[in-house]
Amino acid sequence: MLERIELPEGSSWALLAEPETWILVLDGHAAIGLAAVSIGQAIFVGGGRASIEVGANGLTALIAYPASRPDRFPVAAALRAIDQTSFSPSLPTVAKLTGLAEART
């Protein structure tokens, strides 16, 4: 699956990634895990939880992951906004999903 997301400037997110997830930055910049990424850069997230700290210009990115089941939720369902003090998987806020496409391999 290939999805486009837009995250607002200065926001903090937790991504509950598939075992193999790639993020390609289209616009803006962010710290994803321990890596700083900006326009044109890609990062591999090997599954589990990864933090995303969005920079001053926001972040537009493509997120690619294998679709193991056709009924799988979009990655926006695995992205959760976090506050500065704690993370709660029950938070209702999700990233804005701006596009969805399926890539055949």
C-alpha atoms as a PDB file:
ATOM      1  CA  MET A   1       0.000   0.000   0.000  1.00  0.00           C
ATOM      2  CA  LEU A   2       1.069   3.564  -0.638  1.00  0.00           C
ATOM      3  CA  GLU A   3      -0.505   6.424   1.310  1.00  0.00           C
ATOM      4  CA  ARG A   4       0.011  10.176   1.370  1.00  0.00           C
ATOM      5  CA  ILE A   5      -0.272  11.965   4.718  1.00  0.00           C
ATOM      6  CA  GLU A   6      -0.080  15.586   5.844  1.00  0.00           C
ATOM      7  CA  LEU A   7       0.877  16.354   9.441  1.00  0.00           C
ATOM      8  CA  PRO A   8       0.564  19.859  10.924  1.00  0.00           C
ATOM      9  CA  GLU A   9       3.597  21.894  11.973  1.00  0.00           C
ATOM     10  CA  GLY A  10       4.936  21.398  15.474  1.00  0.00           C
ATOM     11  CA  SER A  11       2.876  18.266  16.113  1.00  0.00           C
ATOM     12  CA  SER A  12       4.029  14.993  17.700  1.00  0.00           C
ATOM     13  CA  TRP A  13       2.904  11.572  16.495  1.00  0.00           C
ATOM     14  CA  ALA A  14       3.405   7.893  17.234  1.00  0.00           C
ATOM     15  CA  LEU A  15       3.394   5.512  14.261  1.00  0.00           C
ATOM     16  CA  LEU A  16       2.593   1.886  14.990  1.00  0.00           C
ATOM     17  CA  ALA A  17       4.389   0.563  11.921  1.00  0.00           C
ATOM     18  CA  GLU A  18       4.034  -2.653   9.979  1.00  0.00           C
ATOM     19  CA  PRO A  19       7.112  -4.918   9.978  1.00  0.00           C
ATOM     20  CA  GLU A  20       8.304  -3.144   6.830  1.00  0.00           C
ATOM     21  CA  THR A  21       7.393   0.532   6.421  1.00  0.00           C
ATOM     22  CA  TRP A  22       9.038   3.229   4.285  1.00  0.00           C
ATOM     23  CA  ILE A  23       8.449   6.983   4.629  1.00  0.00           C
ATOM     24  CA  LEU A  24       9.369   9.357   1.763  1.00  0.00           C
ATOM     25  CA  VAL A  25       9.248  13.076   2.602  1.00  0.00           C
ATOM     26  CA  LEU A  26       7.566  15.185  -0.100  1.00  0.00           C
ATOM     27  CA  ASP A  27       7.518  18.505   1.768  1.00  0.00           C
ATOM     28  CA  GLY A  28       8.581  19.840   5.152  1.00  0.00           C
ATOM     29  CA  HIS A  29      10.797  18.095   7.661  1.00  0.00           C
ATOM     30  CA  ALA A  30      10.595  15.966  10.806  1.00  0.00           C
ATOM     31  CA  ALA A  31      12.499  13.819  13.250  1.00  0.00           C
ATOM     32  CA  ILE A  32      11.390  10.216  12.792  1.00  0.00           C
ATOM     33  CA  GLY A  33      12.806   8.044  15.524  1.00  0.00           C
ATOM     34  CA  LEU A  34      16.418   9.238  15.862  1.00  0.00           C
ATOM     35  CA  ALA A  35      16.745  10.442  12.249  1.00  0.00           C
ATOM     36  CA  ALA A  36      16.105  13.923  10.868  1.00  0.00           C
ATOM     37  CA  VAL A  37      14.476  13.837   7.413  1.00  0.00           C
ATOM     38  CA  SER A  38      13.547  16.518   4.884  1.00  0.00           C
ATOM     39  CA  ILE A  39      12.345  16.840   1.276  1.00  0.00           C
ATOM     40  CA  GLY A  40      13.439  13.948  -0.930  1.00  0.00           C
ATOM     41  CA  GLN A  41      14.725  11.770   1.900  1.00  0.00           C
ATOM     42  CA  ALA A  42      13.326   8.367   2.818  1.00  0.00           C
ATOM     43  CA  ILE A  43      13.549   6.368   6.021  1.00  0.00           C
ATOM     44  CA  PHE A  44      12.890   2.706   6.791  1.00  0.00           C
ATOM     45  CA  VAL A  45      10.910   1.947   9.945  1.00  0.00           C
ATOM     46  CA  GLY A  46      11.361  -1.730  10.808  1.00  0.00           C
ATOM     47  CA  GLY A  47       8.095  -2.194  12.676  1.00  0.00           C
ATOM     48  CA  GLY A  48       6.989  -1.323  16.173  1.00  0.00           C
ATOM     49  CA  ARG A  49       6.449   2.209  17.436  1.00  0.00           C
ATOM     50  CA  ALA A  50       8.291   5.178  15.927  1.00  0.00           C
ATOM     51  CA  SER A  51       7.946   8.773  17.079  1.00  0.00           C
ATOM     52  CA  ILE A  52       7.447  11.587  14.563  1.00  0.00           C
ATOM     53  CA  GLU A  53       8.214  15.158  15.621  1.00  0.00           C
ATOM     54  CA  VAL A  54       7.047  17.489  12.844  1.00  0.00           C
ATOM     55  CA  GLY A  55       9.030  20.659  12.042  1.00  0.00           C
ATOM     56  CA  ALA A  56       7.902  24.256  11.584  1.00  0.00           C
ATOM     57  CA  ASN A  57       6.654  23.778   7.993  1.00  0.00           C
ATOM     58  CA  GLY A  58       4.587  20.656   8.613  1.00  0.00           C
ATOM     59  CA  LEU A  59       5.202  17.327   6.875  1.00  0.00           C
ATOM     60  CA  THR A  60       3.800  15.820   3.701  1.00  0.00           C
ATOM     61  CA  ALA A  61       4.984  12.269   3.092  1.00  0.00           C
ATOM     62  CA  LEU A  62       4.288   9.019   1.298  1.00  0.00           C
ATOM     63  CA  ILE A  63       4.170   5.953   3.529  1.00  0.00           C
ATOM     64  CA  ALA A  64       4.626   2.554   1.874  1.00  0.00           C
ATOM     65  CA  TYR A  65       4.014  -0.817   3.521  1.00  0.00           C
ATOM     66  CA  PRO A  66       3.053  -4.326   2.377  1.00  0.00           C
ATOM     67  CA  ALA A  67      -0.676  -4.992   2.392  1.00  0.00           C
ATOM     68  CA  SER A  68      -0.991  -8.404   3.977  1.00  0.00           C
ATOM     69  CA  ARG A  69      -4.801  -8.328   4.002  1.00  0.00           C
ATOM     70  CA  PRO A  70      -7.265  -6.460   1.792  1.00  0.00           C
ATOM     71  CA  ASP A  71      -9.323  -5.381   4.829  1.00  0.00           C
ATOM     72  CA  ARG A  72      -6.354  -3.679   6.553  1.00  0.00           C
ATOM     73  CA  PHE A  73      -6.946  -0.179   7.889  1.00  0.00           C
ATOM     74  CA  PRO A  74      -5.011   2.699   6.289  1.00  0.00           C
ATOM     75  CA  VAL A  75      -1.841   3.886   8.019  1.00  0.00           C
ATOM     76  CA  ALA A  76      -3.779   6.891   9.354  1.00  0.00           C
ATOM     77  CA  ALA A  77      -5.410   4.434  11.758  1.00  0.00           C
ATOM     78  CA  ALA A  78      -1.910   3.557  13.056  1.00  0.00           C
ATOM     79  CA  LEU A  79      -0.874   7.216  13.503  1.00  0.00           C
ATOM     80  CA  ARG A  80      -1.784   8.786  16.825  1.00  0.00           C
ATOM     81  CA  ALA A  81      -1.238  12.342  18.007  1.00  0.00           C
ATOM     82  CA  ILE A  82       0.596  12.467  21.306  1.00  0.00           C
ATOM     83  CA  ASP A  83       0.880  15.220  23.854  1.00  0.00           C
ATOM     84  CA  GLN A  84       4.137  16.178  25.505  1.00  0.00           C
ATOM     85  CA  THR A  85       3.503  14.099  28.648  1.00  0.00           C
ATOM     86  CA  SER A  86       2.074  10.738  27.618  1.00  0.00           C
ATOM     87  CA  PHE A  87       0.977   8.410  24.835  1.00  0.00           C
ATOM     88  CA  SER A  88      -2.441   6.816  24.788  1.00  0.00           C
ATOM     89  CA  PRO A  89      -3.438   4.445  21.989  1.00  0.00           C
ATOM     90  CA  SER A  90      -7.079   5.366  22.618  1.00  0.00           C
ATOM     91  CA  LEU A  91      -6.627   8.998  21.510  1.00  0.00           C
ATOM     92  CA  PRO A  92      -9.204   9.732  18.798  1.00  0.00           C
ATOM     93  CA  THR A  93      -7.009  12.179  16.812  1.00  0.00           C
ATOM     94  CA  VAL A  94      -5.588  10.726  13.585  1.00  0.00           C
ATOM     95  CA  ALA A  95      -3.536  12.159  10.758  1.00  0.00           C
ATOM     96  CA  LYS A  96      -5.309  13.548   7.724  1.00  0.00           C
ATOM     97  CA  LEU A  97      -5.249  10.885   5.001  1.00  0.00           C
ATOM     98  CA  THR A  98      -4.910  12.697   1.698  1.00  0.00           C
ATOM     99  CA  GLY A  99      -4.642   9.791  -0.723  1.00  0.00           C
ATOM    100  CA  LEU A 100      -4.621   6.015  -0.950  1.00  0.00           C
ATOM    101  CA  ALA A 101      -3.177   3.825  -3.669  1.00  0.00           C
ATOM    102  CA  GLU A 102      -2.291   0.158  -3.946  1.00  0.00           C
ATOM    103  CA  ALA A 103       0.972  -0.841  -5.604  1.00  0.00           C
ATOM    104  CA  ARG A 104       1.226  -4.258  -7.208  1.00  0.00           C
ATOM    105  CA  THR A 105       4.425  -6.180  -6.568  1.00  0.00           C
END
